[in-house]
Amino acid sequence: MFVKQGWKRYFDMLNGPIYTRMVKEFWMKAEVFDDVSARLEEEELIRKDPTLKGKSREEMGLSKFSGTVIKSVLAGLEITISRAHIAKLLGVE
């Protein structure tokens, strides 16, 4: 049943190495970054510098927002997980 639904790869991963401390640290610092978060980030920059009003995220020095993601920092490295990452990892559309 799981093979037909495309979940075999997921269960194979569960049998591999798991770094519990790293996973714990990742999720303790994780935050969901959605359209509301993106808008608040833009508004905060505009509050600090009103000349940015009407400019794109890129012109403000922000990364492009292309959908909800999970963000975290692990060992000083910013990690972003999107739906596309999870789908690719599981081998599904």
C-alpha atoms as a PDB file:
ATOM      1  CA  MET A   1       0.000   0.000   0.000  1.00  0.00           C
ATOM      2  CA  PHE A   2       2.780   2.469   0.920  1.00  0.00           C
ATOM      3  CA  VAL A   3       4.796   1.653  -2.210  1.00  0.00           C
ATOM      4  CA  LYS A   4       1.784   2.361  -4.439  1.00  0.00           C
ATOM      5  CA  GLN A   5       1.288   5.717  -2.704  1.00  0.00           C
ATOM      6  CA  GLY A   6       4.945   6.678  -3.207  1.00  0.00           C
ATOM      7  CA  TRP A   7       5.947   6.532   0.481  1.00  0.00           C
ATOM      8  CA  LYS A   8       8.628   3.816   0.227  1.00  0.00           C
ATOM      9  CA  ARG A   9      11.463   6.335   0.041  1.00  0.00           C
ATOM     10  CA  TYR A  10      10.182   8.058   3.195  1.00  0.00           C
ATOM     11  CA  PHE A  11      10.177   4.827   5.197  1.00  0.00           C
ATOM     12  CA  ASP A  12      13.626   3.931   3.844  1.00  0.00           C
ATOM     13  CA  MET A  13      14.900   7.279   5.184  1.00  0.00           C
ATOM     14  CA  LEU A  14      13.501   6.528   8.629  1.00  0.00           C
ATOM     15  CA  ASN A  15      15.750   3.472   8.783  1.00  0.00           C
ATOM     16  CA  GLY A  16      18.856   5.564   8.058  1.00  0.00           C
ATOM     17  CA  PRO A  17      21.036   7.584  10.437  1.00  0.00           C
ATOM     18  CA  ILE A  18      19.237  10.176  12.570  1.00  0.00           C
ATOM     19  CA  TYR A  19      21.133  12.972  14.288  1.00  0.00           C
ATOM     20  CA  THR A  20      18.783  13.674  17.185  1.00  0.00           C
ATOM     21  CA  ARG A  21      20.637  16.663  18.650  1.00  0.00           C
ATOM     22  CA  MET A  22      20.849  18.350  15.273  1.00  0.00           C
ATOM     23  CA  VAL A  23      17.166  17.717  14.566  1.00  0.00           C
ATOM     24  CA  LYS A  24      16.223  19.051  18.004  1.00  0.00           C
ATOM     25  CA  GLU A  25      18.304  22.213  17.531  1.00  0.00           C
ATOM     26  CA  PHE A  26      16.812  22.764  14.063  1.00  0.00           C
ATOM     27  CA  TRP A  27      13.206  22.551  15.290  1.00  0.00           C
ATOM     28  CA  MET A  28      13.824  24.599  18.444  1.00  0.00           C
ATOM     29  CA  LYS A  29      14.895  27.527  16.254  1.00  0.00           C
ATOM     30  CA  ALA A  30      12.496  26.894  13.364  1.00  0.00           C
ATOM     31  CA  GLU A  31       9.841  29.358  12.285  1.00  0.00           C
ATOM     32  CA  VAL A  32       7.195  29.305   9.600  1.00  0.00           C
ATOM     33  CA  PHE A  33       7.728  32.117   7.107  1.00  0.00           C
ATOM     34  CA  ASP A  34       4.500  32.811   5.216  1.00  0.00           C
ATOM     35  CA  ASP A  35       2.922  35.714   3.345  1.00  0.00           C
ATOM     36  CA  VAL A  36       2.052  37.469   6.617  1.00  0.00           C
ATOM     37  CA  SER A  37       5.670  37.147   7.818  1.00  0.00           C
ATOM     38  CA  ALA A  38       6.935  38.475   4.477  1.00  0.00           C
ATOM     39  CA  ARG A  39       4.610  41.469   4.641  1.00  0.00           C
ATOM     40  CA  LEU A  40       5.630  42.215   8.245  1.00  0.00           C
ATOM     41  CA  GLU A  41       9.295  42.007   7.243  1.00  0.00           C
ATOM     42  CA  GLU A  42       8.679  44.557   4.474  1.00  0.00           C
ATOM     43  CA  GLU A  43       6.668  46.857   6.753  1.00  0.00           C
ATOM     44  CA  GLU A  44       9.418  46.794   9.383  1.00  0.00           C
ATOM     45  CA  LEU A  45      12.010  47.875   6.811  1.00  0.00           C
ATOM     46  CA  ILE A  46       9.704  50.635   5.523  1.00  0.00           C
ATOM     47  CA  ARG A  47       9.214  51.864   9.099  1.00  0.00           C
ATOM     48  CA  LYS A  48      12.993  52.124   9.464  1.00  0.00           C
ATOM     49  CA  ASP A  49      13.491  53.684   6.016  1.00  0.00           C
ATOM     50  CA  PRO A  50      10.358  55.266   4.471  1.00  0.00           C
ATOM     51  CA  THR A  51      12.147  55.733   1.124  1.00  0.00           C
ATOM     52  CA  LEU A  52      11.737  51.980   0.535  1.00  0.00           C
ATOM     53  CA  LYS A  53       7.946  52.298   0.211  1.00  0.00           C
ATOM     54  CA  GLY A  54       6.735  51.030  -3.168  1.00  0.00           C
ATOM     55  CA  LYS A  55       9.920  49.080  -3.903  1.00  0.00           C
ATOM     56  CA  SER A  56      10.132  45.340  -4.511  1.00  0.00           C
ATOM     57  CA  ARG A  57      11.527  42.935  -1.940  1.00  0.00           C
ATOM     58  CA  GLU A  58      14.690  42.584  -3.990  1.00  0.00           C
ATOM     59  CA  GLU A  59      15.118  46.370  -4.148  1.00  0.00           C
ATOM     60  CA  MET A  60      14.733  46.435  -0.360  1.00  0.00           C
ATOM     61  CA  GLY A  61      17.561  43.903  -0.027  1.00  0.00           C
ATOM     62  CA  LEU A  62      15.223  41.042   0.921  1.00  0.00           C
ATOM     63  CA  SER A  63      15.070  37.627  -0.671  1.00  0.00           C
ATOM     64  CA  LYS A  64      12.211  36.915  -3.066  1.00  0.00           C
ATOM     65  CA  PHE A  65       9.126  35.426  -1.393  1.00  0.00           C
ATOM     66  CA  SER A  66       7.796  32.482  -3.375  1.00  0.00           C
ATOM     67  CA  GLY A  67       5.613  30.714  -0.814  1.00  0.00           C
ATOM     68  CA  THR A  68       5.466  29.436   2.728  1.00  0.00           C
ATOM     69  CA  VAL A  69       8.689  27.878   4.026  1.00  0.00           C
ATOM     70  CA  ILE A  70      10.201  26.693   7.295  1.00  0.00           C
ATOM     71  CA  LYS A  71      13.365  28.593   8.261  1.00  0.00           C
ATOM     72  CA  SER A  72      15.945  27.745  10.887  1.00  0.00           C
ATOM     73  CA  VAL A  73      19.623  28.258  11.672  1.00  0.00           C
ATOM     74  CA  LEU A  74      21.883  25.317  12.370  1.00  0.00           C
ATOM     75  CA  ALA A  75      25.597  25.721  13.130  1.00  0.00           C
ATOM     76  CA  GLY A  76      25.422  29.279  11.769  1.00  0.00           C
ATOM     77  CA  LEU A  77      23.909  28.139   8.468  1.00  0.00           C
ATOM     78  CA  GLU A  78      20.424  29.335   7.488  1.00  0.00           C
ATOM     79  CA  ILE A  79      18.297  26.424   6.305  1.00  0.00           C
ATOM     80  CA  THR A  80      15.036  26.792   4.412  1.00  0.00           C
ATOM     81  CA  ILE A  81      12.617  23.939   3.752  1.00  0.00           C
ATOM     82  CA  SER A  82       9.813  24.342   1.211  1.00  0.00           C
ATOM     83  CA  ARG A  83       7.034  22.068   0.013  1.00  0.00           C
ATOM     84  CA  ALA A  84       9.059  21.493  -3.147  1.00  0.00           C
ATOM     85  CA  HIS A  85      12.025  20.247  -1.082  1.00  0.00           C
ATOM     86  CA  ILE A  86       9.852  17.749   0.777  1.00  0.00           C
ATOM     87  CA  ALA A  87       8.183  16.560  -2.429  1.00  0.00           C
ATOM     88  CA  LYS A  88      11.537  16.055  -4.148  1.00  0.00           C
ATOM     89  CA  LEU A  89      12.923  14.216  -1.136  1.00  0.00           C
ATOM     90  CA  LEU A  90       9.936  11.870  -1.117  1.00  0.00           C
ATOM     91  CA  GLY A  91       9.961  11.503  -4.883  1.00  0.00           C
ATOM     92  CA  VAL A  92       6.401  12.807  -5.316  1.00  0.00           C
ATOM     93  CA  GLU A  93       4.923  15.716  -7.267  1.00  0.00           C
END
